[in-house]
Protein backbone atom coordinates (compact mmCIF):
# COMPACT_ATOMS: atom_id res chain seq x y z
CA MET A 1 -347.75 48.88 78.84
CA THR A 2 -349.31 46.17 80.98
CA LYS A 3 -347.81 42.99 79.57
CA THR A 4 -345.51 41.10 81.94
CA PHE A 5 -342.64 39.27 80.30
CA ALA A 6 -341.15 36.10 81.69
CA ALA A 7 -337.75 36.73 80.09
CA PHE A 8 -335.77 39.02 77.82
CA VAL A 9 -333.74 37.72 74.89
CA PHE A 10 -331.34 40.00 73.05
CA ASP A 11 -329.57 39.83 69.76
CA ALA A 12 -325.86 40.57 70.29
CA TYR A 13 -324.23 42.04 67.19
CA GLY A 14 -325.68 45.41 66.30
CA THR A 15 -328.07 45.36 69.27
CA LEU A 16 -325.94 45.18 72.41
CA PHE A 17 -322.56 45.49 70.69
CA ASP A 18 -321.72 48.07 68.03
CA VAL A 19 -320.32 46.16 65.04
CA ASN A 20 -319.27 49.45 63.48
CA SER A 21 -316.93 50.12 66.39
CA VAL A 22 -314.33 48.30 64.26
CA ALA A 23 -314.43 51.23 61.83
CA ALA A 24 -311.89 53.23 63.85
CA LEU A 25 -309.34 50.44 63.61
CA ALA A 26 -310.21 49.89 59.95
CA GLU A 27 -309.62 53.59 59.29
CA GLN A 28 -306.26 53.40 61.04
CA LEU A 29 -305.23 50.41 58.93
CA ALA A 30 -306.78 51.62 55.66
CA PRO A 31 -306.99 55.43 55.80
CA GLY A 32 -309.99 56.82 53.96
CA ASN A 33 -311.67 53.42 53.76
CA GLY A 34 -312.55 52.54 57.35
CA ALA A 35 -316.27 53.21 57.17
CA ALA A 36 -316.66 51.52 53.79
CA LEU A 37 -314.74 48.46 54.97
CA SER A 38 -316.83 48.18 58.13
CA ARG A 39 -320.12 48.44 56.21
CA LEU A 40 -319.23 45.97 53.47
CA TRP A 41 -317.76 43.54 55.99
CA ARG A 42 -321.01 43.51 57.96
CA THR A 43 -323.17 43.26 54.84
CA LYS A 44 -321.32 40.21 53.55
CA GLN A 45 -321.16 38.65 57.01
CA LEU A 46 -324.96 38.60 57.21
CA GLU A 47 -325.39 37.59 53.58
CA TYR A 48 -323.15 34.58 54.13
CA THR A 49 -325.22 33.41 57.12
CA TRP A 50 -328.38 33.41 55.03
CA LEU A 51 -326.71 31.71 52.07
CA GLN A 52 -325.10 29.01 54.17
CA SER A 53 -328.38 28.28 55.92
CA LEU A 54 -329.94 27.65 52.51
CA MET A 55 -326.98 25.84 50.96
CA ALA A 56 -325.93 23.54 53.80
CA THR A 57 -325.82 19.83 53.00
CA SER A 58 -323.84 16.83 54.20
CA ARG A 59 -321.38 17.59 51.40
CA PHE A 60 -321.25 21.30 52.21
CA PRO A 61 -321.73 21.73 55.96
CA ARG A 62 -322.54 25.06 57.54
CA GLU A 63 -319.52 26.99 58.77
CA ASP A 64 -319.65 28.82 62.09
CA PHE A 65 -319.93 32.57 62.50
CA GLY A 66 -316.24 33.03 63.15
CA ALA A 67 -315.39 31.46 59.79
CA LEU A 68 -318.02 33.50 57.96
CA THR A 69 -316.81 36.68 59.62
CA ALA A 70 -313.32 35.95 58.26
CA HIS A 71 -314.67 35.17 54.78
CA ALA A 72 -316.66 38.40 54.77
CA LEU A 73 -313.62 40.42 55.78
CA ASP A 74 -311.55 38.85 53.02
CA TYR A 75 -314.28 39.69 50.51
CA ALA A 76 -314.48 43.30 51.68
CA ILE A 77 -310.71 43.77 51.54
CA SER A 78 -310.64 42.34 48.02
CA ALA A 79 -313.66 44.29 46.80
CA LEU A 80 -312.22 47.59 48.05
CA ILE A 81 -308.74 46.67 46.77
CA LEU A 82 -307.10 47.43 50.11
CA PRO A 83 -303.41 46.65 50.71
CA LEU A 84 -303.92 45.01 54.12
CA ASP A 85 -301.42 42.34 55.15
CA ARG A 86 -302.01 39.26 57.31
CA GLU A 87 -301.25 41.10 60.53
CA ALA A 88 -303.81 43.82 59.75
CA ARG A 89 -306.38 41.17 58.91
CA HIS A 90 -305.81 39.42 62.24
CA ARG A 91 -306.13 42.70 64.12
CA LEU A 92 -309.49 43.36 62.49
CA LEU A 93 -310.78 39.88 63.28
CA ASP A 94 -309.58 40.15 66.87
CA ALA A 95 -311.50 43.42 67.18
CA TYR A 96 -314.71 41.37 67.06
CA LEU A 97 -313.79 40.07 70.50
CA ARG A 98 -313.64 43.63 71.83
CA LEU A 99 -316.63 45.36 70.25
CA ALA A 100 -317.95 48.33 72.21
CA PRO A 101 -321.41 48.06 73.79
CA PHE A 102 -323.89 50.73 72.80
CA PRO A 103 -324.29 53.54 75.36
CA GLY A 104 -326.53 52.55 78.26
CA THR A 105 -326.48 48.83 77.51
CA ARG A 106 -325.24 47.75 80.94
CA ASP A 107 -327.80 49.96 82.71
CA VAL A 108 -330.63 48.57 80.59
CA LEU A 109 -329.72 44.97 81.36
CA ALA A 110 -329.34 45.74 85.06
CA ALA A 111 -332.75 47.41 85.18
CA LEU A 112 -334.49 44.29 83.84
CA ALA A 113 -333.40 42.08 86.73
CA PRO A 114 -334.48 39.79 88.28
CA ARG A 115 -336.15 38.52 85.13
CA PRO A 116 -333.87 36.33 82.98
CA ARG A 117 -331.75 38.22 80.43
CA TRP A 118 -330.19 36.11 77.69
CA ILE A 119 -328.34 36.62 74.44
CA LEU A 120 -329.43 34.64 71.37
CA SER A 121 -326.87 35.21 68.64
CA ASN A 122 -325.41 33.98 65.38
CA GLY A 123 -322.03 34.19 67.10
CA THR A 124 -320.16 31.24 68.54
CA ARG A 125 -319.65 30.89 72.27
CA ALA A 126 -315.92 31.27 71.62
CA MET A 127 -316.69 34.75 70.26
CA LEU A 128 -319.49 35.79 72.60
CA ASP A 129 -318.17 34.67 75.98
CA PRO A 130 -314.93 36.71 75.81
CA LEU A 131 -316.86 39.69 74.46
CA ALA A 132 -319.34 39.61 77.33
CA ARG A 133 -316.52 39.28 79.86
CA SER A 134 -314.34 42.02 78.39
CA THR A 135 -317.22 44.51 78.41
CA GLY A 136 -318.56 43.48 81.82
CA LEU A 137 -321.95 42.55 80.41
CA ASP A 138 -321.54 39.04 81.73
CA GLN A 139 -322.34 40.56 85.14
CA VAL A 140 -325.82 41.62 83.98
CA LEU A 141 -326.68 38.64 81.76
CA ASP A 142 -328.01 35.25 82.81
CA GLY A 143 -326.67 33.34 79.84
CA ILE A 144 -325.75 33.15 76.19
CA MET A 145 -327.27 30.98 73.48
CA SER A 146 -325.61 30.40 70.12
CA VAL A 147 -327.22 29.31 66.87
CA ASP A 148 -324.61 26.55 66.78
CA ASP A 149 -326.94 24.54 69.00
CA ALA A 150 -329.57 24.69 66.25
CA GLY A 151 -327.19 24.06 63.36
CA ILE A 152 -328.56 26.96 61.32
CA TYR A 153 -328.55 30.75 61.37
CA LYS A 154 -331.24 33.30 62.10
CA PRO A 155 -333.96 33.85 61.09
CA SER A 156 -334.69 30.11 61.09
CA PRO A 157 -337.46 29.20 63.56
CA ARG A 158 -335.12 26.50 64.88
CA VAL A 159 -332.92 29.25 66.31
CA TYR A 160 -335.74 31.03 68.14
CA GLN A 161 -336.96 27.67 69.46
CA LEU A 162 -333.68 27.45 71.41
CA ALA A 163 -334.91 30.24 73.68
CA VAL A 164 -338.28 28.59 74.27
CA ASP A 165 -336.63 25.29 75.12
CA ARG A 166 -334.07 26.87 77.43
CA LEU A 167 -336.39 29.26 79.24
CA ARG A 168 -339.45 26.96 79.25
CA VAL A 169 -341.95 29.72 78.59
CA ALA A 170 -344.35 30.45 75.75
CA PRO A 171 -342.94 32.48 72.83
CA ALA A 172 -345.26 35.44 73.46
CA ALA A 173 -343.95 35.71 77.04
CA ILE A 174 -340.44 36.31 75.71
CA ALA A 175 -339.49 39.91 74.91
CA PHE A 176 -337.11 39.63 72.00
CA VAL A 177 -334.94 42.67 71.33
CA SER A 178 -332.98 43.22 68.12
CA SER A 179 -331.71 46.14 66.08
CA ASN A 180 -331.77 44.05 62.91
CA GLY A 181 -335.06 44.42 61.08
CA TRP A 182 -334.81 40.98 59.48
CA ASP A 183 -334.16 39.41 62.90
CA ALA A 184 -337.10 41.20 64.49
CA ALA A 185 -339.24 40.01 61.58
CA GLY A 186 -338.14 36.41 62.03
CA ALA A 187 -338.70 36.55 65.77
CA LYS A 188 -342.18 38.03 65.35
CA ALA A 189 -343.11 35.39 62.77
CA PHE A 190 -342.00 32.76 65.28
CA GLY A 191 -344.24 34.19 67.98
CA PHE A 192 -342.04 36.32 70.24
CA THR A 193 -343.11 39.77 71.39
CA THR A 194 -340.59 41.86 69.50
CA PHE A 195 -338.85 45.14 70.20
CA TRP A 196 -337.02 46.50 67.17
CA ILE A 197 -334.27 48.99 68.02
CA ASN A 198 -334.40 51.08 64.85
CA ARG A 199 -331.48 53.43 65.48
CA ASP A 200 -331.20 54.51 61.85
CA GLY A 201 -334.88 55.18 61.24
CA VAL A 202 -335.13 52.76 58.32
CA PRO A 203 -338.47 51.44 57.00
CA THR A 204 -340.15 48.40 58.51
CA GLU A 205 -339.60 45.13 56.65
CA ARG A 206 -342.45 44.37 54.26
CA HIS A 207 -342.17 40.59 53.94
CA ALA A 208 -343.14 39.60 57.50
CA PRO A 209 -345.25 40.70 60.47
CA GLU A 210 -344.34 44.09 61.88
CA PRO A 211 -342.56 44.18 65.24
CA ASP A 212 -344.71 44.88 68.28
CA PHE A 213 -342.64 47.90 69.27
CA VAL A 214 -340.24 50.14 67.38
CA LEU A 215 -337.75 52.05 69.53
CA GLY A 216 -335.04 54.54 68.68
CA SER A 217 -332.55 53.30 71.26
CA LEU A 218 -332.04 50.48 73.72
CA PRO A 219 -332.71 52.59 76.87
CA GLU A 220 -336.25 53.27 75.59
CA LEU A 221 -337.04 49.64 76.39
CA VAL A 222 -336.85 50.03 80.17
CA PRO A 223 -339.86 52.28 80.86
CA LEU A 224 -342.02 50.12 78.59
CA VAL A 225 -341.39 46.90 80.49
CA THR A 226 -340.75 48.02 84.06
CA ALA A 227 -343.64 50.44 84.68
């Protein structure tokens, strides 16, 4: 690969940080239901971001990602009819501040220096900053951008424009990395050069341009962009 990128922008949840790492705690709190709770929680979390982006008005303002994460958890608990009390709920929500990075994440980010390495996430800074610090990834990142500055969630073009405005480079010169197929699709439609981390081997999205590169893991990125 011969293309030189001016900067790297990463999705956070599901790309750098394993959202399913809450499943162990969920299993401890709701034996036999941990995996199901984790999956449904994540599904509704994303669904609510899309719905609120479409529904937001002056009478019904968009809620931030922390609020939607709590709503999604409440839905999942109710849908699975789990006897979780308030303390258990708080423990699960707090776990989002301590998600585990995927294996090799720190090494990947370190290898991309000195080029800028940023997060662009649906999460709030109040969620992302402690997570980056607790995992040590703040030492190998140059900054964090939240959709809150755009007032809408991914995959709105207004979100991806945040990176262009902050980094002051053309979209195609930004390597955008996400494990979420819908996010990679939105980023590609916007004009980024996209790297989709397809860990589960699922099909490519059909409704948008295909990503430029499809990788099986985050460490596969390094030899493509540092050779």
